C-alpha atoms as a PDB file:
ATOM      1  CA  MET A   1      49.817 109.492 113.439  1.00  0.00           C
ATOM      2  CA  ALA A   2      52.289 106.751 114.381  1.00  0.00           C
ATOM      3  CA  LYS A   3      54.172 106.979 117.662  1.00  0.00           C
ATOM      4  CA  LYS A   4      57.935 107.409 117.324  1.00  0.00           C
ATOM      5  CA  ILE A   5      60.609 105.409 119.142  1.00  0.00           C
ATOM      6  CA  MET A   6      64.259 106.417 119.327  1.00  0.00           C
ATOM      7  CA  VAL A   7      66.779 103.582 119.712  1.00  0.00           C
ATOM      8  CA  VAL A   8      70.042 104.650 121.330  1.00  0.00           C
ATOM      9  CA  ASP A   9      72.676 101.883 121.090  1.00  0.00           C
ATOM     10  CA  ASP A  10      76.229 101.626 119.797  1.00  0.00           C
ATOM     11  CA  ASP A  11      75.701  98.116 118.342  1.00  0.00           C
ATOM     12  CA  PRO A  12      74.475  98.560 114.714  1.00  0.00           C
ATOM     13  CA  ALA A  13      72.960  95.062 114.740  1.00  0.00           C
ATOM     14  CA  ILE A  14      70.801  95.911 117.789  1.00  0.00           C
ATOM     15  CA  VAL A  15      69.789  99.250 116.258  1.00  0.00           C
ATOM     16  CA  GLU A  16      68.783  97.563 113.022  1.00  0.00           C
ATOM     17  CA  TYR A  17      66.932  94.792 114.814  1.00  0.00           C
ATOM     18  CA  LEU A  18      64.965  97.133 117.097  1.00  0.00           C
ATOM     19  CA  THR A  19      64.135  99.732 114.460  1.00  0.00           C
ATOM     20  CA  THR A  20      62.918  96.963 112.130  1.00  0.00           C
ATOM     21  CA  LEU A  21      60.893  95.367 114.947  1.00  0.00           C
ATOM     22  CA  PHE A  22      59.251  98.680 115.789  1.00  0.00           C
ATOM     23  CA  ALA A  23      58.650  99.682 112.167  1.00  0.00           C
ATOM     24  CA  ASP A  24      57.111  96.281 111.402  1.00  0.00           C
ATOM     25  CA  ASN A  25      54.699  96.902 114.245  1.00  0.00           C
ATOM     26  CA  GLY A  26      53.534 100.316 113.105  1.00  0.00           C
ATOM     27  CA  TYR A  27      55.945 102.684 114.900  1.00  0.00           C
ATOM     28  CA  GLU A  28      58.126 105.359 113.381  1.00  0.00           C
ATOM     29  CA  THR A  29      61.773 105.125 114.402  1.00  0.00           C
ATOM     30  CA  CYS A  30      64.980 107.087 114.657  1.00  0.00           C
ATOM     31  CA  SER A  31      68.290 106.087 116.165  1.00  0.00           C
ATOM     32  CA  ALA A  32      71.571 107.287 117.610  1.00  0.00           C
ATOM     33  CA  PRO A  33      74.901 105.482 118.167  1.00  0.00           C
ATOM     34  CA  ASP A  34      75.590 107.049 121.563  1.00  0.00           C
ATOM     35  CA  GLY A  35      74.324 109.595 124.077  1.00  0.00           C
ATOM     36  CA  GLU A  36      76.298 112.411 122.504  1.00  0.00           C
ATOM     37  CA  ALA A  37      74.606 112.127 119.118  1.00  0.00           C
ATOM     38  CA  ALA A  38      71.287 111.249 120.733  1.00  0.00           C
ATOM     39  CA  MET A  39      70.703 114.751 122.138  1.00  0.00           C
ATOM     40  CA  ASP A  40      70.612 116.328 118.691  1.00  0.00           C
ATOM     41  CA  ILE A  41      68.367 113.599 117.338  1.00  0.00           C
ATOM     42  CA  LEU A  42      66.087 113.803 120.349  1.00  0.00           C
ATOM     43  CA  GLU A  43      65.578 117.548 119.872  1.00  0.00           C
ATOM     44  CA  ARG A  44      64.976 117.156 116.147  1.00  0.00           C
ATOM     45  CA  GLU A  45      62.796 114.000 116.142  1.00  0.00           C
ATOM     46  CA  ARG A  46      60.913 114.372 119.483  1.00  0.00           C
ATOM     47  CA  PRO A  47      60.237 110.661 120.013  1.00  0.00           C
ATOM     48  CA  ASP A  48      57.408 109.346 122.199  1.00  0.00           C
ATOM     49  CA  LEU A  49      59.701 106.735 123.809  1.00  0.00           C
ATOM     50  CA  ILE A  50      63.441 105.983 124.010  1.00  0.00           C
ATOM     51  CA  THR A  51      65.163 102.614 124.251  1.00  0.00           C
ATOM     52  CA  LEU A  52      68.559 103.206 125.792  1.00  0.00           C
ATOM     53  CA  ASP A  53      71.703 101.149 126.084  1.00  0.00           C
ATOM     54  CA  LEU A  54      73.876 101.922 129.095  1.00  0.00           C
ATOM     55  CA  GLU A  55      77.421 101.241 127.933  1.00  0.00           C
ATOM     56  CA  MET A  56      78.357 103.248 124.850  1.00  0.00           C
ATOM     57  CA  PRO A  57      81.346 105.280 123.633  1.00  0.00           C
ATOM     58  CA  ASN A  58      81.452 109.105 123.875  1.00  0.00           C
ATOM     59  CA  GLU A  59      78.545 109.447 126.283  1.00  0.00           C
ATOM     60  CA  TRP A  60      76.988 106.527 128.065  1.00  0.00           C
ATOM     61  CA  GLY A  61      73.300 106.014 128.706  1.00  0.00           C
ATOM     62  CA  PRO A  62      72.854 107.275 132.282  1.00  0.00           C
ATOM     63  CA  ARG A  63      74.618 110.536 131.517  1.00  0.00           C
ATOM     64  CA  PHE A  64      72.456 111.107 128.429  1.00  0.00           C
ATOM     65  CA  PHE A  65      69.364 110.343 130.525  1.00  0.00           C
ATOM     66  CA  ARG A  66      70.349 112.907 133.151  1.00  0.00           C
ATOM     67  CA  LYS A  67      70.972 115.568 130.486  1.00  0.00           C
ATOM     68  CA  PHE A  68      67.737 115.153 128.540  1.00  0.00           C
ATOM     69  CA  SER A  69      65.473 114.560 131.567  1.00  0.00           C
ATOM     70  CA  GLN A  70      66.505 117.974 132.968  1.00  0.00           C
ATOM     71  CA  LYS A  71      64.905 119.655 129.965  1.00  0.00           C
ATOM     72  CA  ALA A  72      61.241 120.433 130.616  1.00  0.00           C
ATOM     73  CA  GLU A  73      60.083 119.265 127.171  1.00  0.00           C
ATOM     74  CA  PHE A  74      61.666 115.819 127.609  1.00  0.00           C
ATOM     75  CA  LYS A  75      61.471 115.151 131.339  1.00  0.00           C
ATOM     76  CA  ASP A  76      58.397 112.887 130.931  1.00  0.00           C
ATOM     77  CA  THR A  77      59.667 110.968 127.896  1.00  0.00           C
ATOM     78  CA  PRO A  78      59.539 107.273 128.884  1.00  0.00           C
ATOM     79  CA  VAL A  79      62.753 105.254 128.706  1.00  0.00           C
ATOM     80  CA  ILE A  80      63.239 101.501 128.404  1.00  0.00           C
ATOM     81  CA  VAL A  81      66.777 100.460 129.288  1.00  0.00           C
ATOM     82  CA  ILE A  82      68.059  97.594 127.121  1.00  0.00           C
ATOM     83  CA  SER A  83      71.561  96.520 128.123  1.00  0.00           C
ATOM     84  CA  GLY A  84      73.890  93.617 128.576  1.00  0.00           C
ATOM     85  CA  LEU A  85      75.275  94.999 131.845  1.00  0.00           C
ATOM     86  CA  SER A  86      74.334  93.422 135.151  1.00  0.00           C
ATOM     87  CA  GLY A  87      72.518  95.505 137.704  1.00  0.00           C
ATOM     88  CA  ILE A  88      70.857  97.617 135.004  1.00  0.00           C
ATOM     89  CA  HIS A  89      67.684  98.064 137.075  1.00  0.00           C
ATOM     90  CA  LEU A  90      69.733 100.386 139.300  1.00  0.00           C
ATOM     91  CA  ALA A  91      71.196 102.587 136.547  1.00  0.00           C
ATOM     92  CA  ILE A  92      68.118 104.646 135.688  1.00  0.00           C
ATOM     93  CA  ARG A  93      65.501 104.337 138.379  1.00  0.00           C
ATOM     94  CA  ARG A  94      62.873 106.253 136.417  1.00  0.00           C
ATOM     95  CA  ALA A  95      63.020 103.851 133.484  1.00  0.00           C
ATOM     96  CA  VAL A  96      59.667 102.257 132.732  1.00  0.00           C
ATOM     97  CA  ALA A  97      61.449  98.938 132.293  1.00  0.00           C
ATOM     98  CA  THR A  98      64.896  97.373 132.250  1.00  0.00           C
ATOM     99  CA  ILE A  99      65.538  94.551 129.827  1.00  0.00           C
ATOM    100  CA  ASN A 100      68.674  92.432 129.639  1.00  0.00           C
ATOM    101  CA  LYS A 101      70.304  91.520 126.353  1.00  0.00           C
ATOM    102  CA  PRO A 102      69.596  89.110 124.768  1.00  0.00           C
ATOM    103  CA  PHE A 103      65.850  89.827 124.865  1.00  0.00           C
ATOM    104  CA  GLU A 104      62.599  88.455 123.542  1.00  0.00           C
ATOM    105  CA  PRO A 105      61.107  90.838 120.926  1.00  0.00           C
ATOM    106  CA  GLU A 106      57.565  90.159 122.124  1.00  0.00           C
ATOM    107  CA  HIS A 107      58.531  91.268 125.640  1.00  0.00           C
ATOM    108  CA  VAL A 108      59.931  94.562 124.318  1.00  0.00           C
ATOM    109  CA  LEU A 109      56.847  95.182 122.179  1.00  0.00           C
ATOM    110  CA  ARG A 110      54.531  94.430 125.099  1.00  0.00           C
ATOM    111  CA  ILE A 111      56.287  97.029 127.278  1.00  0.00           C
ATOM    112  CA  VAL A 112      56.246  99.597 124.453  1.00  0.00           C
ATOM    113  CA  GLU A 113      52.519  99.062 123.854  1.00  0.00           C
ATOM    114  CA  GLN A 114      51.736  99.286 127.564  1.00  0.00           C
ATOM    115  CA  THR A 115      53.735 102.529 127.779  1.00  0.00           C
ATOM    116  CA  ILE A 116      52.758 104.487 124.646  1.00  0.00           C
ATOM    117  CA  GLY A 117      50.071 102.378 122.940  1.00  0.00           C
ATOM    118  CA  LYS A 118      50.061 101.142 119.377  1.00  0.00           C
END
């Protein structure tokens, strides 16, 4: 069964790019436009990994991370922060990686594969 990745980002172009990249490499995907919508999708889809933007409307990335990581069933779900903000490595210290936009797709895939496998 394919591993599932949830992309949380308010930029539709980034969401489309990442979900296509992951799908083309054998992963299932789901997405959310912000942290507020992401909680419902997380509970319904139960992804194996989350890519998370930091700056989004309604509920930004670090707040969503705090909320979902307090739930026992999601506390160990790995997160890759992908953001255009500076200092992103400080925003979510438990993230498995922090990647600045723009990014190299091969770099993102390498981190995903090292984290959850193919």
